[in-house]
Amino acid sequence: MNLRTAFQIGFRAARANFLPGLLLQAIMVCFLAAYFLHDGTQAFLTRVGEVRQEMGYLFAFITYIISGAFLPEVLRVAFFQKFRPRLANVRNFFTAAPLWAGLGMLVDFFYRCQNDWFGTGNAWQIVVAKVLVDQLLYSPFVATPISNSYLAFRSSGLNSETAREVLSWNFVLERMLPSQIAGWCVWTPGVFVVYFMPPLLQLPTAVLIMCFWVLLLTTLHERESAN
């Protein structure tokens, strides 16, 4: 595969997720408006931020497992399996949970670093700087390689052959680059919302975005699989 083909695959994936992404972004705008305009929403989210501060990295550990590993299986059982859990649901959860737990704590650490580097305000210069570091450094060189490598090892096994595949240029072109391009097209507006929030609410906001995203993608994936 060449670079042009990798970009084409990535843009096709972005187009396929355009409508869910648009809905997600609309939800995030409503969420942001509710936070700044509705006292009850602001009070509730402030308490969530306090819980996050009290729990530390454990908050990220638990919430990312719930939103990234547990929620998709609950949706499958409730809406597509007629409330009949299967062994595959349990297997899917336990194989996905380590990835999401690790990524959750990594994201929490990264947000803390961003606030140390650029400050905790929501002035446009601070928000843009954080978004650029997030989308041009952290995402393509940390989050995307970790998630794609983990999924490759999960599906093919922890062996030398998979390790060679993960370290190859073809893996970058076939797996990492397309997923990164799709992520840029869909997630960037949501990342702006995350960094516009106060520091204690940045991780909870990211978790909320991911919950909606998982809900949308799980629904679409299961409907496509049924057709």
Protein backbone atom coordinates (compact mmCIF):
# COMPACT_ATOMS: atom_id res chain seq x y z
CA MET A 1 0.00 0.00 0.00
CA ASN A 2 1.23 3.50 -0.81
CA LEU A 3 0.68 6.78 1.00
CA ARG A 4 -2.06 7.93 -1.38
CA THR A 5 -4.11 4.77 -0.80
CA ALA A 6 -3.75 5.15 2.97
CA PHE A 7 -5.11 8.69 2.79
CA GLN A 8 -8.01 7.53 0.61
CA ILE A 9 -8.94 4.83 3.13
CA GLY A 10 -8.78 7.35 5.95
CA PHE A 11 -11.02 9.85 4.17
CA ARG A 12 -13.50 7.10 3.28
CA ALA A 13 -13.70 6.18 6.96
CA ALA A 14 -14.19 9.85 7.84
CA ARG A 15 -17.01 10.16 5.28
CA ALA A 16 -18.66 7.02 6.61
CA ASN A 17 -18.68 8.56 10.09
CA PHE A 18 -19.61 12.07 8.95
CA LEU A 19 -23.23 12.08 10.11
CA PRO A 20 -22.51 10.43 13.50
CA GLY A 21 -19.62 12.85 13.95
CA LEU A 22 -21.87 15.80 13.09
CA LEU A 23 -24.44 14.63 15.62
CA LEU A 24 -21.73 14.17 18.22
CA GLN A 25 -20.45 17.69 17.64
CA ALA A 26 -23.98 19.11 17.93
CA ILE A 27 -24.36 17.30 21.26
CA MET A 28 -21.08 18.79 22.44
CA VAL A 29 -22.19 22.32 21.53
CA CYS A 30 -25.38 21.77 23.54
CA PHE A 31 -23.33 20.39 26.42
CA LEU A 32 -21.06 23.43 26.38
CA ALA A 33 -24.03 25.79 26.28
CA ALA A 34 -25.72 23.96 29.16
CA TYR A 35 -22.57 24.22 31.26
CA PHE A 36 -22.26 27.98 30.82
CA LEU A 37 -25.97 28.88 30.78
CA HIS A 38 -27.64 26.43 33.18
CA ASP A 39 -26.78 26.65 36.88
CA GLY A 40 -27.90 23.11 37.65
CA THR A 41 -25.70 21.60 34.93
CA GLN A 42 -22.74 23.67 36.08
CA ALA A 43 -23.24 22.61 39.71
CA PHE A 44 -23.50 18.94 38.74
CA LEU A 45 -20.38 19.03 36.57
CA THR A 46 -18.48 20.92 39.26
CA ARG A 47 -19.23 18.05 41.64
CA VAL A 48 -18.06 15.58 38.99
CA GLY A 49 -14.81 17.54 38.76
CA GLU A 50 -14.42 17.36 42.54
CA VAL A 51 -14.89 13.58 42.45
CA ARG A 52 -12.28 13.34 39.71
CA GLN A 53 -9.85 15.33 41.87
CA GLU A 54 -10.53 13.15 44.90
CA MET A 55 -10.09 9.88 43.00
CA GLY A 56 -7.06 10.91 40.94
CA TYR A 57 -6.04 8.48 38.21
CA LEU A 58 -8.55 5.92 39.47
CA PHE A 59 -11.32 8.11 38.02
CA ALA A 60 -9.79 7.81 34.54
CA PHE A 61 -9.18 4.08 35.02
CA ILE A 62 -12.82 3.35 35.90
CA THR A 63 -14.61 5.78 33.57
CA TYR A 64 -12.63 4.77 30.49
CA ILE A 65 -13.32 1.09 31.13
CA ILE A 66 -17.03 1.88 31.47
CA SER A 67 -17.25 4.06 28.36
CA GLY A 68 -14.83 2.17 26.12
CA ALA A 69 -15.29 -1.48 27.09
CA PHE A 70 -18.44 -1.95 29.18
CA LEU A 71 -20.87 0.40 27.40
CA PRO A 72 -20.47 -1.17 23.92
CA GLU A 73 -21.31 -4.63 25.25
CA VAL A 74 -24.30 -3.35 27.23
CA LEU A 75 -25.62 -1.71 24.07
CA ARG A 76 -25.14 -4.90 22.06
CA VAL A 77 -26.95 -7.01 24.66
CA ALA A 78 -29.79 -4.51 25.15
CA PHE A 79 -30.51 -3.47 21.58
CA PHE A 80 -29.18 -6.20 19.31
CA GLN A 81 -29.23 -9.44 21.36
CA LYS A 82 -32.67 -9.01 22.95
CA PHE A 83 -31.18 -8.83 26.46
CA ARG A 84 -29.47 -12.21 26.01
CA PRO A 85 -25.81 -11.91 27.03
CA ARG A 86 -23.32 -14.23 25.36
CA LEU A 87 -19.88 -15.47 26.23
CA ALA A 88 -18.52 -13.27 23.42
CA ASN A 89 -19.71 -10.16 25.30
CA VAL A 90 -17.69 -11.15 28.34
CA ARG A 91 -14.65 -11.92 26.19
CA ASN A 92 -14.95 -8.61 24.36
CA PHE A 93 -15.14 -6.72 27.63
CA PHE A 94 -12.12 -8.35 29.25
CA THR A 95 -9.97 -7.98 26.16
CA ALA A 96 -10.91 -4.31 25.67
CA ALA A 97 -10.77 -3.24 29.33
CA PRO A 98 -6.94 -3.20 29.67
CA LEU A 99 -6.58 -0.97 26.61
CA TRP A 100 -9.16 1.56 27.78
CA ALA A 101 -7.93 1.57 31.37
CA GLY A 102 -4.38 2.30 30.23
CA LEU A 103 -5.47 4.93 27.72
CA GLY A 104 -7.67 6.61 30.31
CA MET A 105 -4.81 7.09 32.75
CA LEU A 106 -2.52 8.17 29.92
CA VAL A 107 -5.05 10.79 28.78
CA ASP A 108 -5.41 12.04 32.35
CA PHE A 109 -1.63 12.42 32.65
CA PHE A 110 -1.45 14.16 29.28
CA TYR A 111 -4.16 16.67 30.22
CA ARG A 112 -2.29 17.46 33.44
CA CYS A 113 0.88 18.04 31.42
CA GLN A 114 -0.96 20.30 28.96
CA ASN A 115 -2.22 22.44 31.84
CA ASP A 116 1.31 22.70 33.26
CA TRP A 117 2.77 23.62 29.86
CA PHE A 118 0.21 26.13 28.62
CA GLY A 119 -1.85 27.16 31.65
CA THR A 120 -5.39 26.43 32.82
CA GLY A 121 -7.38 29.23 31.16
CA ASN A 122 -9.61 29.00 28.10
CA ALA A 123 -8.19 31.94 26.13
CA TRP A 124 -8.05 31.06 22.43
CA GLN A 125 -4.22 31.02 22.39
CA ILE A 126 -4.14 28.42 25.19
CA VAL A 127 -6.90 26.27 23.68
CA VAL A 128 -5.38 26.29 20.18
CA ALA A 129 -1.92 25.40 21.52
CA LYS A 130 -3.34 22.44 23.46
CA VAL A 131 -5.38 21.23 20.48
CA LEU A 132 -2.35 21.37 18.18
CA VAL A 133 -0.16 19.40 20.60
CA ASP A 134 -3.01 16.93 21.15
CA GLN A 135 -3.86 16.34 17.49
CA LEU A 136 -0.41 16.66 15.90
CA LEU A 137 1.82 15.04 18.54
CA TYR A 138 -0.02 13.04 21.19
CA SER A 139 -2.65 11.49 18.95
CA PRO A 140 -0.52 10.34 15.97
CA PHE A 141 2.61 9.41 17.94
CA VAL A 142 1.17 8.04 21.19
CA ALA A 143 -2.55 7.21 21.23
CA THR A 144 -2.93 5.87 17.69
CA PRO A 145 0.16 3.59 17.76
CA ILE A 146 -0.80 2.20 21.19
CA SER A 147 -4.43 1.50 20.31
CA ASN A 148 -3.72 -0.03 16.89
CA SER A 149 -0.84 -2.14 18.20
CA TYR A 150 -2.93 -3.41 21.08
CA LEU A 151 -5.77 -4.41 18.77
CA ALA A 152 -3.32 -6.16 16.43
CA PHE A 153 -1.87 -8.21 19.29
CA ARG A 154 -5.33 -8.96 20.64
CA SER A 155 -6.55 -10.34 17.32
CA SER A 156 -3.36 -12.15 16.23
CA GLY A 157 -1.76 -13.10 19.53
CA LEU A 158 1.35 -11.96 21.37
CA ASN A 159 4.04 -13.36 19.09
CA SER A 160 7.06 -12.32 17.06
CA GLU A 161 5.14 -12.32 13.77
CA THR A 162 2.64 -9.77 15.07
CA ALA A 163 5.48 -7.72 16.54
CA ARG A 164 7.16 -7.57 13.12
CA GLU A 165 3.86 -6.55 11.55
CA VAL A 166 3.32 -3.75 14.09
CA LEU A 167 6.82 -2.42 13.50
CA SER A 168 6.49 -2.43 9.72
CA TRP A 169 5.82 0.51 7.42
CA ASN A 170 2.82 -1.34 5.95
CA PHE A 171 1.19 -1.36 9.38
CA VAL A 172 1.57 2.42 9.54
CA LEU A 173 -0.02 2.85 6.11
CA GLU A 174 -2.75 0.23 6.42
CA ARG A 175 -3.86 0.68 10.03
CA MET A 176 -2.44 3.71 11.79
CA LEU A 177 -2.63 6.43 9.14
CA PRO A 178 -6.24 5.73 8.01
CA SER A 179 -7.48 5.63 11.61
CA GLN A 180 -5.61 8.83 12.40
CA ILE A 181 -7.07 10.69 9.41
CA ALA A 182 -10.58 9.57 10.34
CA GLY A 183 -9.95 10.68 13.92
CA TRP A 184 -8.76 14.12 12.83
CA CYS A 185 -11.87 14.66 10.72
CA VAL A 186 -14.33 13.57 13.41
CA TRP A 187 -12.73 14.33 16.78
CA THR A 188 -11.05 17.73 16.37
CA PRO A 189 -14.16 19.84 17.23
CA GLY A 190 -14.70 17.74 20.34
CA VAL A 191 -11.09 18.28 21.39
CA PHE A 192 -11.68 22.04 21.27
CA VAL A 193 -14.62 21.55 23.65
CA VAL A 194 -12.45 19.50 26.03
CA TYR A 195 -9.75 22.15 26.30
CA PHE A 196 -12.28 24.95 26.63
CA MET A 197 -13.51 23.42 29.89
CA PRO A 198 -11.89 24.01 33.32
CA PRO A 199 -9.02 21.58 34.11
CA LEU A 200 -11.03 19.35 36.46
CA LEU A 201 -13.74 18.90 33.83
CA GLN A 202 -11.52 18.17 30.83
CA LEU A 203 -11.28 14.43 31.48
CA PRO A 204 -15.01 14.03 32.35
CA THR A 205 -15.86 15.92 29.15
CA ALA A 206 -13.62 13.61 27.13
CA VAL A 207 -15.33 10.61 28.73
CA LEU A 208 -18.74 12.04 27.86
CA ILE A 209 -17.71 12.57 24.24
CA MET A 210 -16.43 9.01 24.06
CA CYS A 211 -19.67 7.64 25.55
CA PHE A 212 -21.74 9.28 22.82
CA TRP A 213 -19.26 8.20 20.17
CA VAL A 214 -19.32 4.59 21.35
CA LEU A 215 -23.13 4.70 21.40
CA LEU A 216 -23.27 5.95 17.81
CA LEU A 217 -20.61 3.65 16.40
CA THR A 218 -21.93 0.56 18.17
CA THR A 219 -25.40 1.19 16.78
CA LEU A 220 -24.10 1.74 13.24
CA HIS A 221 -21.76 -1.25 13.34
CA GLU A 222 -24.43 -3.65 14.57
CA ARG A 223 -26.97 -2.45 12.00
CA GLU A 224 -24.43 -2.84 9.19
CA SER A 225 -23.54 -6.33 10.43
CA ALA A 226 -27.22 -7.30 10.42
CA ASN A 227 -27.71 -6.23 6.78
